[in-house]
PDB file of N, CA and C in Angstrom:
ATOM      1  N   MET A   1      11.945 -82.998 -27.630  1.00  0.00           N
ATOM      2  CA  MET A   1      10.757 -82.867 -28.437  1.00  0.00           C
ATOM      3  C   MET A   1      10.947 -81.656 -29.351  1.00  0.00           C
ATOM      4  N   SER A   2      10.840 -81.863 -30.664  1.00  0.00           N
ATOM      5  CA  SER A   2      11.028 -80.748 -31.585  1.00  0.00           C
ATOM      6  C   SER A   2       9.684 -80.147 -31.984  1.00  0.00           C
ATOM      7  N   MET A   3       9.715 -78.892 -32.336  1.00  0.00           N
ATOM      8  CA  MET A   3       8.510 -78.174 -32.705  1.00  0.00           C
ATOM      9  C   MET A   3       8.444 -78.081 -34.225  1.00  0.00           C
ATOM     10  N   ALA A   4       7.392 -78.623 -34.817  1.00  0.00           N
ATOM     11  CA  ALA A   4       7.228 -78.602 -36.265  1.00  0.00           C
ATOM     12  C   ALA A   4       6.606 -77.284 -36.710  1.00  0.00           C
ATOM     13  N   VAL A   5       7.152 -76.724 -37.787  1.00  0.00           N
ATOM     14  CA  VAL A   5       6.543 -75.550 -38.402  1.00  0.00           C
ATOM     15  C   VAL A   5       5.370 -76.053 -39.232  1.00  0.00           C
ATOM     16  N   ILE A   6       4.175 -75.544 -38.933  1.00  0.00           N
ATOM     17  CA  ILE A   6       3.009 -75.994 -39.679  1.00  0.00           C
ATOM     18  C   ILE A   6       2.510 -74.950 -40.673  1.00  0.00           C
ATOM     19  N   SER A   7       2.957 -73.690 -40.521  1.00  0.00           N
ATOM     20  CA  SER A   7       2.588 -72.648 -41.468  1.00  0.00           C
ATOM     21  C   SER A   7       3.498 -71.438 -41.280  1.00  0.00           C
ATOM     22  N   SER A   8       3.669 -70.684 -42.353  1.00  0.00           N
ATOM     23  CA  SER A   8       4.367 -69.400 -42.252  1.00  0.00           C
ATOM     24  C   SER A   8       3.780 -68.451 -43.299  1.00  0.00           C
ATOM     25  N   PHE A   9       3.575 -67.212 -42.895  1.00  0.00           N
ATOM     26  CA  PHE A   9       2.967 -66.204 -43.770  1.00  0.00           C
ATOM     27  C   PHE A   9       3.253 -64.821 -43.201  1.00  0.00           C
ATOM     28  N   TYR A  10       3.545 -63.853 -44.067  1.00  0.00           N
ATOM     29  CA  TYR A  10       3.776 -62.458 -43.677  1.00  0.00           C
ATOM     30  C   TYR A  10       4.752 -62.305 -42.511  1.00  0.00           C
ATOM     31  N   GLY A  11       5.751 -63.157 -42.434  1.00  0.00           N
ATOM     32  CA  GLY A  11       6.730 -63.091 -41.361  1.00  0.00           C
ATOM     33  C   GLY A  11       6.292 -63.756 -40.071  1.00  0.00           C
ATOM     34  N   ILE A  12       5.122 -64.372 -40.095  1.00  0.00           N
ATOM     35  CA  ILE A  12       4.579 -65.078 -38.927  1.00  0.00           C
ATOM     36  C   ILE A  12       4.881 -66.555 -39.096  1.00  0.00           C
ATOM     37  N   ILE A  13       5.318 -67.204 -38.032  1.00  0.00           N
ATOM     38  CA  ILE A  13       5.588 -68.642 -38.070  1.00  0.00           C
ATOM     39  C   ILE A  13       4.709 -69.311 -37.025  1.00  0.00           C
ATOM     40  N   ILE A  14       3.997 -70.351 -37.460  1.00  0.00           N
ATOM     41  CA  ILE A  14       3.126 -71.126 -36.583  1.00  0.00           C
ATOM     42  C   ILE A  14       3.777 -72.484 -36.372  1.00  0.00           C
ATOM     43  N   ARG A  15       3.942 -72.879 -35.098  1.00  0.00           N
ATOM     44  CA  ARG A  15       4.570 -74.155 -34.761  1.00  0.00           C
ATOM     45  C   ARG A  15       3.709 -74.916 -33.759  1.00  0.00           C
ATOM     46  N   MET A  16       3.882 -76.248 -33.760  1.00  0.00           N
ATOM     47  CA  MET A  16       3.219 -77.088 -32.754  1.00  0.00           C
ATOM     48  C   MET A  16       4.170 -78.182 -32.313  1.00  0.00           C
ATOM     49  N   TYR A  17       4.111 -78.512 -31.041  1.00  0.00           N
ATOM     50  CA  TYR A  17       4.796 -79.682 -30.505  1.00  0.00           C
ATOM     51  C   TYR A  17       3.852 -80.864 -30.600  1.00  0.00           C
ATOM     52  N   PHE A  18       4.350 -82.018 -30.980  1.00  0.00           N
ATOM     53  CA  PHE A  18       3.552 -83.239 -30.913  1.00  0.00           C
ATOM     54  C   PHE A  18       3.424 -83.629 -29.455  1.00  0.00           C
ATOM     55  N   GLY A  19       2.199 -83.855 -28.985  1.00  0.00           N
ATOM     56  CA  GLY A  19       1.981 -84.271 -27.606  1.00  0.00           C
ATOM     57  C   GLY A  19       2.264 -83.188 -26.581  1.00  0.00           C
ATOM     58  N   ASP A  20       2.115 -81.918 -26.944  1.00  0.00           N
ATOM     59  CA  ASP A  20       2.357 -80.808 -26.012  1.00  0.00           C
ATOM     60  C   ASP A  20       1.297 -80.807 -24.912  1.00  0.00           C
ATOM     61  N   HIS A  21       1.535 -80.039 -23.869  1.00  0.00           N
ATOM     62  CA  HIS A  21       0.656 -79.992 -22.701  1.00  0.00           C
ATOM     63  C   HIS A  21      -0.705 -79.375 -23.009  1.00  0.00           C
ATOM     64  N   ILE A  22      -1.636 -79.626 -22.129  1.00  0.00           N
ATOM     65  CA  ILE A  22      -2.991 -79.072 -22.223  1.00  0.00           C
ATOM     66  C   ILE A  22      -2.969 -77.673 -21.617  1.00  0.00           C
ATOM     67  N   PRO A  23      -3.732 -76.697 -22.059  1.00  0.00           N
ATOM     68  CA  PRO A  23      -4.757 -76.779 -23.086  1.00  0.00           C
ATOM     69  C   PRO A  23      -4.147 -76.855 -24.482  1.00  0.00           C
ATOM     70  N   SER A  24      -4.912 -77.380 -25.429  1.00  0.00           N
ATOM     71  CA  SER A  24      -4.443 -77.476 -26.813  1.00  0.00           C
ATOM     72  C   SER A  24      -4.127 -76.079 -27.331  1.00  0.00           C
ATOM     73  N   HIS A  25      -2.949 -75.946 -27.917  1.00  0.00           N
ATOM     74  CA  HIS A  25      -2.511 -74.634 -28.373  1.00  0.00           C
ATOM     75  C   HIS A  25      -1.460 -74.780 -29.469  1.00  0.00           C
ATOM     76  N   PHE A  26      -1.147 -73.653 -30.105  1.00  0.00           N
ATOM     77  CA  PHE A  26      -0.024 -73.593 -31.031  1.00  0.00           C
ATOM     78  C   PHE A  26       0.842 -72.408 -30.629  1.00  0.00           C
ATOM     79  N   HIS A  27       2.050 -72.389 -31.142  1.00  0.00           N
ATOM     80  CA  HIS A  27       3.010 -71.328 -30.869  1.00  0.00           C
ATOM     81  C   HIS A  27       3.105 -70.444 -32.099  1.00  0.00           C
ATOM     82  N   ALA A  28       2.986 -69.145 -31.900  1.00  0.00           N
ATOM     83  CA  ALA A  28       3.102 -68.188 -32.998  1.00  0.00           C
ATOM     84  C   ALA A  28       4.267 -67.256 -32.695  1.00  0.00           C
ATOM     85  N   SER A  29       5.049 -66.956 -33.731  1.00  0.00           N
ATOM     86  CA  SER A  29       6.125 -65.982 -33.555  1.00  0.00           C
ATOM     87  C   SER A  29       6.097 -64.994 -34.710  1.00  0.00           C
ATOM     88  N   TYR A  30       6.457 -63.772 -34.383  1.00  0.00           N
ATOM     89  CA  TYR A  30       6.503 -62.688 -35.354  1.00  0.00           C
ATOM     90  C   TYR A  30       7.590 -61.727 -34.900  1.00  0.00           C
ATOM     91  N   SER A  31       8.631 -61.581 -35.713  1.00  0.00           N
ATOM     92  CA  SER A  31       9.771 -60.750 -35.356  1.00  0.00           C
ATOM     93  C   SER A  31      10.328 -61.229 -34.015  1.00  0.00           C
ATOM     94  N   GLU A  32      10.441 -60.351 -33.034  1.00  0.00           N
ATOM     95  CA  GLU A  32      10.979 -60.766 -31.735  1.00  0.00           C
ATOM     96  C   GLU A  32       9.878 -61.187 -30.760  1.00  0.00           C
ATOM     97  N   PHE A  33       8.629 -61.232 -31.218  1.00  0.00           N
ATOM     98  CA  PHE A  33       7.490 -61.545 -30.368  1.00  0.00           C
ATOM     99  C   PHE A  33       7.084 -63.009 -30.518  1.00  0.00           C
ATOM    100  N   SER A  34       6.539 -63.575 -29.454  1.00  0.00           N
ATOM    101  CA  SER A  34       6.026 -64.940 -29.529  1.00  0.00           C
ATOM    102  C   SER A  34       4.908 -65.118 -28.504  1.00  0.00           C
ATOM    103  N   ALA A  35       4.018 -66.071 -28.810  1.00  0.00           N
ATOM    104  CA  ALA A  35       2.900 -66.343 -27.914  1.00  0.00           C
ATOM    105  C   ALA A  35       2.401 -67.759 -28.121  1.00  0.00           C
ATOM    106  N   GLN A  36       1.756 -68.275 -27.098  1.00  0.00           N
ATOM    107  CA  GLN A  36       1.019 -69.529 -27.194  1.00  0.00           C
ATOM    108  C   GLN A  36      -0.444 -69.142 -27.366  1.00  0.00           C
ATOM    109  N   VAL A  37      -1.107 -69.729 -28.368  1.00  0.00           N
ATOM    110  CA  VAL A  37      -2.489 -69.373 -28.686  1.00  0.00           C
ATOM    111  C   VAL A  37      -3.374 -70.598 -28.526  1.00  0.00           C
ATOM    112  N   SER A  38      -4.463 -70.444 -27.794  1.00  0.00           N
ATOM    113  CA  SER A  38      -5.414 -71.523 -27.563  1.00  0.00           C
ATOM    114  C   SER A  38      -6.099 -71.907 -28.875  1.00  0.00           C
ATOM    115  N   ILE A  39      -6.170 -73.209 -29.151  1.00  0.00           N
ATOM    116  CA  ILE A  39      -6.881 -73.669 -30.341  1.00  0.00           C
ATOM    117  C   ILE A  39      -8.388 -73.530 -30.116  1.00  0.00           C
ATOM    118  N   GLU A  40      -8.844 -73.735 -28.904  1.00  0.00           N
ATOM    119  CA  GLU A  40     -10.278 -73.712 -28.609  1.00  0.00           C
ATOM    120  C   GLU A  40     -10.900 -72.330 -28.789  1.00  0.00           C
ATOM    121  N   ASN A  41     -10.290 -71.296 -28.167  1.00  0.00           N
ATOM    122  CA  ASN A  41     -10.919 -69.972 -28.216  1.00  0.00           C
ATOM    123  C   ASN A  41     -10.070 -68.911 -28.921  1.00  0.00           C
ATOM    124  N   LEU A  42      -8.892 -69.298 -29.427  1.00  0.00           N
ATOM    125  CA  LEU A  42      -7.969 -68.431 -30.169  1.00  0.00           C
ATOM    126  C   LEU A  42      -7.460 -67.243 -29.348  1.00  0.00           C
ATOM    127  N   GLY A  43      -7.501 -67.370 -28.030  1.00  0.00           N
ATOM    128  CA  GLY A  43      -6.947 -66.348 -27.160  1.00  0.00           C
ATOM    129  C   GLY A  43      -5.502 -66.650 -26.819  1.00  0.00           C
ATOM    130  N   ILE A  44      -4.767 -65.621 -26.455  1.00  0.00           N
ATOM    131  CA  ILE A  44      -3.370 -65.801 -26.055  1.00  0.00           C
ATOM    132  C   ILE A  44      -3.321 -66.396 -24.656  1.00  0.00           C
ATOM    133  N   ILE A  45      -2.598 -67.504 -24.528  1.00  0.00           N
ATOM    134  CA  ILE A  45      -2.399 -68.161 -23.237  1.00  0.00           C
ATOM    135  C   ILE A  45      -1.198 -67.552 -22.529  1.00  0.00           C
ATOM    136  N   ASN A  46      -0.151 -67.268 -23.309  1.00  0.00           N
ATOM    137  CA  ASN A  46       1.105 -66.783 -22.746  1.00  0.00           C
ATOM    138  C   ASN A  46       1.843 -66.025 -23.840  1.00  0.00           C
ATOM    139  N   GLY A  47       2.483 -64.917 -23.503  1.00  0.00           N
ATOM    140  CA  GLY A  47       3.286 -64.170 -24.454  1.00  0.00           C
ATOM    141  C   GLY A  47       2.551 -62.969 -25.023  1.00  0.00           C
ATOM    142  N   TYR A  48       3.129 -62.411 -26.093  1.00  0.00           N
ATOM    143  CA  TYR A  48       2.574 -61.203 -26.715  1.00  0.00           C
ATOM    144  C   TYR A  48       2.886 -61.206 -28.203  1.00  0.00           C
ATOM    145  N   ILE A  49       1.902 -60.823 -28.993  1.00  0.00           N
ATOM    146  CA  ILE A  49       2.041 -60.600 -30.437  1.00  0.00           C
ATOM    147  C   ILE A  49       1.370 -59.257 -30.719  1.00  0.00           C
ATOM    148  N   PRO A  50       1.983 -58.362 -31.501  1.00  0.00           N
ATOM    149  CA  PRO A  50       1.343 -57.085 -31.812  1.00  0.00           C
ATOM    150  C   PRO A  50      -0.043 -57.290 -32.446  1.00  0.00           C
ATOM    151  N   PRO A  51      -0.966 -56.382 -32.179  1.00  0.00           N
ATOM    152  CA  PRO A  51      -2.353 -56.545 -32.620  1.00  0.00           C
ATOM    153  C   PRO A  51      -2.558 -56.854 -34.110  1.00  0.00           C
ATOM    154  N   LYS A  52      -1.844 -56.191 -35.006  1.00  0.00           N
ATOM    155  CA  LYS A  52      -2.039 -56.452 -36.437  1.00  0.00           C
ATOM    156  C   LYS A  52      -1.610 -57.873 -36.807  1.00  0.00           C
ATOM    157  N   ALA A  53      -0.490 -58.333 -36.265  1.00  0.00           N
ATOM    158  CA  ALA A  53      -0.038 -59.708 -36.517  1.00  0.00           C
ATOM    159  C   ALA A  53      -0.987 -60.700 -35.858  1.00  0.00           C
ATOM    160  N   LEU A  54      -1.469 -60.367 -34.661  1.00  0.00           N
ATOM    161  CA  LEU A  54      -2.402 -61.253 -33.975  1.00  0.00           C
ATOM    162  C   LEU A  54      -3.690 -61.416 -34.773  1.00  0.00           C
ATOM    163  N   ALA A  55      -4.165 -60.355 -35.389  1.00  0.00           N
ATOM    164  CA  ALA A  55      -5.377 -60.446 -36.213  1.00  0.00           C
ATOM    165  C   ALA A  55      -5.177 -61.430 -37.366  1.00  0.00           C
ATOM    166  N   LEU A  56      -4.000 -61.415 -37.993  1.00  0.00           N
ATOM    167  CA  LEU A  56      -3.701 -62.369 -39.070  1.00  0.00           C
ATOM    168  C   LEU A  56      -3.627 -63.796 -38.534  1.00  0.00           C
ATOM    169  N   ILE A  57      -3.056 -63.952 -37.355  1.00  0.00           N
ATOM    170  CA  ILE A  57      -2.948 -65.278 -36.733  1.00  0.00           C
ATOM    171  C   ILE A  57      -4.336 -65.823 -36.411  1.00  0.00           C
ATOM    172  N   VAL A  58      -5.188 -64.996 -35.841  1.00  0.00           N
ATOM    173  CA  VAL A  58      -6.549 -65.424 -35.498  1.00  0.00           C
ATOM    174  C   VAL A  58      -7.326 -65.773 -36.766  1.00  0.00           C
ATOM    175  N   GLU A  59      -7.149 -64.988 -37.822  1.00  0.00           N
ATOM    176  CA  GLU A  59      -7.814 -65.300 -39.092  1.00  0.00           C
ATOM    177  C   GLU A  59      -7.327 -66.645 -39.629  1.00  0.00           C
ATOM    178  N   TRP A  60      -6.013 -66.860 -39.634  1.00  0.00           N
ATOM    179  CA  TRP A  60      -5.452 -68.144 -40.085  1.00  0.00           C
ATOM    180  C   TRP A  60      -6.004 -69.287 -39.235  1.00  0.00           C
ATOM    181  N   ALA A  61      -5.996 -69.112 -37.915  1.00  0.00           N
ATOM    182  CA  ALA A  61      -6.431 -70.173 -37.008  1.00  0.00           C
ATOM    183  C   ALA A  61      -7.913 -70.484 -37.177  1.00  0.00           C
ATOM    184  N   SER A  62      -8.727 -69.478 -37.399  1.00  0.00           N
ATOM    185  CA  SER A  62     -10.155 -69.736 -37.555  1.00  0.00           C
ATOM    186  C   SER A  62     -10.437 -70.529 -38.819  1.00  0.00           C
ATOM    187  N   ILE A  63      -9.646 -70.339 -39.846  1.00  0.00           N
ATOM    188  CA  ILE A  63      -9.786 -71.104 -41.090  1.00  0.00           C
ATOM    189  C   ILE A  63      -9.368 -72.560 -40.859  1.00  0.00           C
ATOM    190  N   HIS A  64      -8.343 -72.770 -40.032  1.00  0.00           N
ATOM    191  CA  HIS A  64      -7.760 -74.112 -39.832  1.00  0.00           C
ATOM    192  C   HIS A  64      -8.155 -74.750 -38.501  1.00  0.00           C
ATOM    193  N   GLN A  65      -9.088 -74.176 -37.771  1.00  0.00           N
ATOM    194  CA  GLN A  65      -9.406 -74.644 -36.423  1.00  0.00           C
ATOM    195  C   GLN A  65      -9.857 -76.105 -36.388  1.00  0.00           C
ATOM    196  N   ASP A  66     -10.616 -76.557 -37.371  1.00  0.00           N
ATOM    197  CA  ASP A  66     -11.089 -77.949 -37.382  1.00  0.00           C
ATOM    198  C   ASP A  66      -9.957 -78.944 -37.607  1.00  0.00           C
ATOM    199  N   GLU A  67      -8.899 -78.515 -38.261  1.00  0.00           N
ATOM    200  CA  GLU A  67      -7.775 -79.414 -38.535  1.00  0.00           C
ATOM    201  C   GLU A  67      -7.044 -79.743 -37.273  1.00  0.00           C
TER     202      GLU A  67
END
């Protein structure tokens, strides 16, 4: 199963697997950091992203949450 890049900005890459496990989430990476982020509440499920990059990810996700 390959992970599609759905967005990239400011060195942040957002990816999703088609048919990935529950809870619904996306994968975010920034430099050497990576995390799984819940689509429902935009919290980190697993991993770590520095706070400034995480703020950009949460802002991006809140804009695209309905998609």
